[in-house]
């Protein structure tokens, strides 16, 4: 496997790069990463019913895991998610900080 990370000034090159993650899944994946652990029902409220199919795809890619807790499924990112995006930590707060930095806001 390999990963390519580009600085903001090379944004045009992103259009040429192919990704393993279909663009339609990025929003759902980012919501899981930011709000983890998150109940599947809450994610469906945010994204809509298409979340069910998208979650199946994200689980096949190994980026999201779902664990049953009573009547609910609880979602969170996997170690593969952290490796894929080159995040230095698996802690949910560190992932939030990394995500905030990527979009240009600083999270304390």
C-alpha atoms as a PDB file:
ATOM      1  CA  UNK A   1       0.000   0.000   0.000  1.00  0.00           C
ATOM      2  CA  UNK A   2       0.985   3.590  -0.411  1.00  0.00           C
ATOM      3  CA  UNK A   3      -0.466   6.987   0.432  1.00  0.00           C
ATOM      4  CA  UNK A   4       0.091  10.401  -1.053  1.00  0.00           C
ATOM      5  CA  UNK A   5      -0.443  13.535   0.987  1.00  0.00           C
ATOM      6  CA  UNK A   6      -0.249  16.905  -0.742  1.00  0.00           C
ATOM      7  CA  UNK A   7       0.189  20.392   0.602  1.00  0.00           C
ATOM      8  CA  UNK A   8      -2.601  22.897  -0.042  1.00  0.00           C
ATOM      9  CA  UNK A   9      -0.644  24.695  -2.777  1.00  0.00           C
ATOM     10  CA  UNK A  10      -0.766  21.498  -4.876  1.00  0.00           C
ATOM     11  CA  UNK A  11      -4.546  21.237  -4.753  1.00  0.00           C
ATOM     12  CA  UNK A  12      -4.829  20.865  -8.544  1.00  0.00           C
ATOM     13  CA  UNK A  13      -2.836  17.625  -8.394  1.00  0.00           C
ATOM     14  CA  UNK A  14      -5.527  16.063  -6.212  1.00  0.00           C
ATOM     15  CA  UNK A  15      -7.773  15.875  -9.256  1.00  0.00           C
ATOM     16  CA  UNK A  16      -5.257  13.537 -10.921  1.00  0.00           C
ATOM     17  CA  UNK A  17      -4.795  11.242  -7.948  1.00  0.00           C
ATOM     18  CA  UNK A  18      -7.049   8.249  -7.574  1.00  0.00           C
ATOM     19  CA  UNK A  19      -8.281   7.182  -4.188  1.00  0.00           C
ATOM     20  CA  UNK A  20      -9.391   3.865  -2.748  1.00  0.00           C
ATOM     21  CA  UNK A  21     -12.284   5.620  -1.036  1.00  0.00           C
ATOM     22  CA  UNK A  22     -15.115   6.673  -3.324  1.00  0.00           C
ATOM     23  CA  UNK A  23     -15.906  10.368  -2.955  1.00  0.00           C
ATOM     24  CA  UNK A  24     -19.517   9.638  -1.951  1.00  0.00           C
ATOM     25  CA  UNK A  25     -18.267   7.900   1.229  1.00  0.00           C
ATOM     26  CA  UNK A  26     -16.042  10.705   2.507  1.00  0.00           C
ATOM     27  CA  UNK A  27     -18.808  12.651   4.295  1.00  0.00           C
ATOM     28  CA  UNK A  28     -20.064   9.565   6.114  1.00  0.00           C
ATOM     29  CA  UNK A  29     -16.534   8.497   7.015  1.00  0.00           C
ATOM     30  CA  UNK A  30     -15.655  11.953   8.341  1.00  0.00           C
ATOM     31  CA  UNK A  31     -18.790  12.052  10.509  1.00  0.00           C
ATOM     32  CA  UNK A  32     -17.944   8.666  12.016  1.00  0.00           C
ATOM     33  CA  UNK A  33     -14.358   9.797  12.645  1.00  0.00           C
ATOM     34  CA  UNK A  34     -15.360  13.104  14.224  1.00  0.00           C
ATOM     35  CA  UNK A  35     -18.203  11.882  16.437  1.00  0.00           C
ATOM     36  CA  UNK A  36     -16.860   8.426  17.302  1.00  0.00           C
ATOM     37  CA  UNK A  37     -18.074   6.399  19.001  1.00  0.00           C
ATOM     38  CA  UNK A  38     -21.403   7.202  17.341  1.00  0.00           C
ATOM     39  CA  UNK A  39     -24.627   5.231  17.221  1.00  0.00           C
ATOM     40  CA  UNK A  40     -25.598   4.114  13.766  1.00  0.00           C
ATOM     41  CA  UNK A  41     -29.071   5.606  14.278  1.00  0.00           C
ATOM     42  CA  UNK A  42     -27.576   9.046  14.940  1.00  0.00           C
ATOM     43  CA  UNK A  43     -25.457   8.824  11.808  1.00  0.00           C
ATOM     44  CA  UNK A  44     -28.540   7.899   9.775  1.00  0.00           C
ATOM     45  CA  UNK A  45     -30.283  10.987  11.190  1.00  0.00           C
ATOM     46  CA  UNK A  46     -27.387  13.121   9.917  1.00  0.00           C
ATOM     47  CA  UNK A  47     -26.828  11.512   6.504  1.00  0.00           C
ATOM     48  CA  UNK A  48     -30.088   9.792   5.677  1.00  0.00           C
ATOM     49  CA  UNK A  49     -30.910   6.214   4.828  1.00  0.00           C
ATOM     50  CA  UNK A  50     -28.064   6.019   2.300  1.00  0.00           C
ATOM     51  CA  UNK A  51     -25.795   5.715   5.359  1.00  0.00           C
ATOM     52  CA  UNK A  52     -26.620   2.005   5.678  1.00  0.00           C
ATOM     53  CA  UNK A  53     -25.171   1.154   2.254  1.00  0.00           C
ATOM     54  CA  UNK A  54     -22.245   3.526   2.725  1.00  0.00           C
ATOM     55  CA  UNK A  55     -21.375   1.961   6.075  1.00  0.00           C
ATOM     56  CA  UNK A  56     -21.285  -1.480   4.475  1.00  0.00           C
ATOM     57  CA  UNK A  57     -18.813  -0.175   1.906  1.00  0.00           C
ATOM     58  CA  UNK A  58     -16.681   1.498   4.584  1.00  0.00           C
ATOM     59  CA  UNK A  59     -16.639  -1.726   6.589  1.00  0.00           C
ATOM     60  CA  UNK A  60     -15.560  -3.691   3.478  1.00  0.00           C
ATOM     61  CA  UNK A  61     -12.717  -1.200   3.029  1.00  0.00           C
ATOM     62  CA  UNK A  62     -11.777  -1.812   6.669  1.00  0.00           C
ATOM     63  CA  UNK A  63     -12.063   1.859   7.670  1.00  0.00           C
ATOM     64  CA  UNK A  64     -15.058   1.596  10.022  1.00  0.00           C
ATOM     65  CA  UNK A  65     -16.072  -1.026  12.552  1.00  0.00           C
ATOM     66  CA  UNK A  66     -19.524  -1.608  14.020  1.00  0.00           C
ATOM     67  CA  UNK A  67     -20.134  -3.258  17.361  1.00  0.00           C
ATOM     68  CA  UNK A  68     -23.492  -4.145  18.786  1.00  0.00           C
ATOM     69  CA  UNK A  69     -24.233  -2.663  22.204  1.00  0.00           C
ATOM     70  CA  UNK A  70     -27.659  -3.771  23.292  1.00  0.00           C
ATOM     71  CA  UNK A  71     -30.155  -2.612  20.683  1.00  0.00           C
ATOM     72  CA  UNK A  72     -27.715  -0.278  18.963  1.00  0.00           C
ATOM     73  CA  UNK A  73     -24.724  -0.522  16.681  1.00  0.00           C
ATOM     74  CA  UNK A  74     -21.867   1.745  17.677  1.00  0.00           C
ATOM     75  CA  UNK A  75     -19.486   2.887  14.960  1.00  0.00           C
ATOM     76  CA  UNK A  76     -15.870   3.939  15.116  1.00  0.00           C
ATOM     77  CA  UNK A  77     -12.845   4.141  12.874  1.00  0.00           C
ATOM     78  CA  UNK A  78     -10.272   1.369  12.685  1.00  0.00           C
ATOM     79  CA  UNK A  79      -6.485   1.333  12.804  1.00  0.00           C
ATOM     80  CA  UNK A  80      -6.551   1.104   9.011  1.00  0.00           C
ATOM     81  CA  UNK A  81      -8.291   4.512   8.930  1.00  0.00           C
ATOM     82  CA  UNK A  82      -5.476   6.036  10.988  1.00  0.00           C
ATOM     83  CA  UNK A  83      -2.804   4.415   8.803  1.00  0.00           C
ATOM     84  CA  UNK A  84      -4.524   5.387   5.545  1.00  0.00           C
ATOM     85  CA  UNK A  85      -4.671   9.074   6.440  1.00  0.00           C
ATOM     86  CA  UNK A  86      -1.305   9.154   8.216  1.00  0.00           C
ATOM     87  CA  UNK A  87      -2.691  10.236  11.585  1.00  0.00           C
ATOM     88  CA  UNK A  88      -0.156   9.928  14.381  1.00  0.00           C
ATOM     89  CA  UNK A  89      -2.584   8.637  17.023  1.00  0.00           C
ATOM     90  CA  UNK A  90      -5.608   6.382  17.377  1.00  0.00           C
ATOM     91  CA  UNK A  91      -7.129   8.480  20.191  1.00  0.00           C
ATOM     92  CA  UNK A  92     -10.434  10.050  19.197  1.00  0.00           C
ATOM     93  CA  UNK A  93      -9.419  13.513  20.456  1.00  0.00           C
ATOM     94  CA  UNK A  94      -6.213  13.412  18.414  1.00  0.00           C
ATOM     95  CA  UNK A  95      -8.206  12.392  15.339  1.00  0.00           C
ATOM     96  CA  UNK A  96     -10.550  15.361  15.897  1.00  0.00           C
ATOM     97  CA  UNK A  97      -7.581  17.725  16.181  1.00  0.00           C
ATOM     98  CA  UNK A  98      -6.069  16.303  13.000  1.00  0.00           C
ATOM     99  CA  UNK A  99      -9.350  16.713  11.126  1.00  0.00           C
ATOM    100  CA  UNK A 100      -9.766  20.299  12.342  1.00  0.00           C
ATOM    101  CA  UNK A 101      -6.246  21.122  11.202  1.00  0.00           C
ATOM    102  CA  UNK A 102      -6.923  19.638   7.757  1.00  0.00           C
ATOM    103  CA  UNK A 103      -9.865  21.983   7.192  1.00  0.00           C
ATOM    104  CA  UNK A 104      -8.033  25.002   8.550  1.00  0.00           C
ATOM    105  CA  UNK A 105      -9.426  25.354  12.047  1.00  0.00           C
ATOM    106  CA  UNK A 106      -7.495  24.772  15.208  1.00  0.00           C
ATOM    107  CA  UNK A 107      -9.203  22.585  17.815  1.00  0.00           C
ATOM    108  CA  UNK A 108      -7.987  22.781  21.378  1.00  0.00           C
END
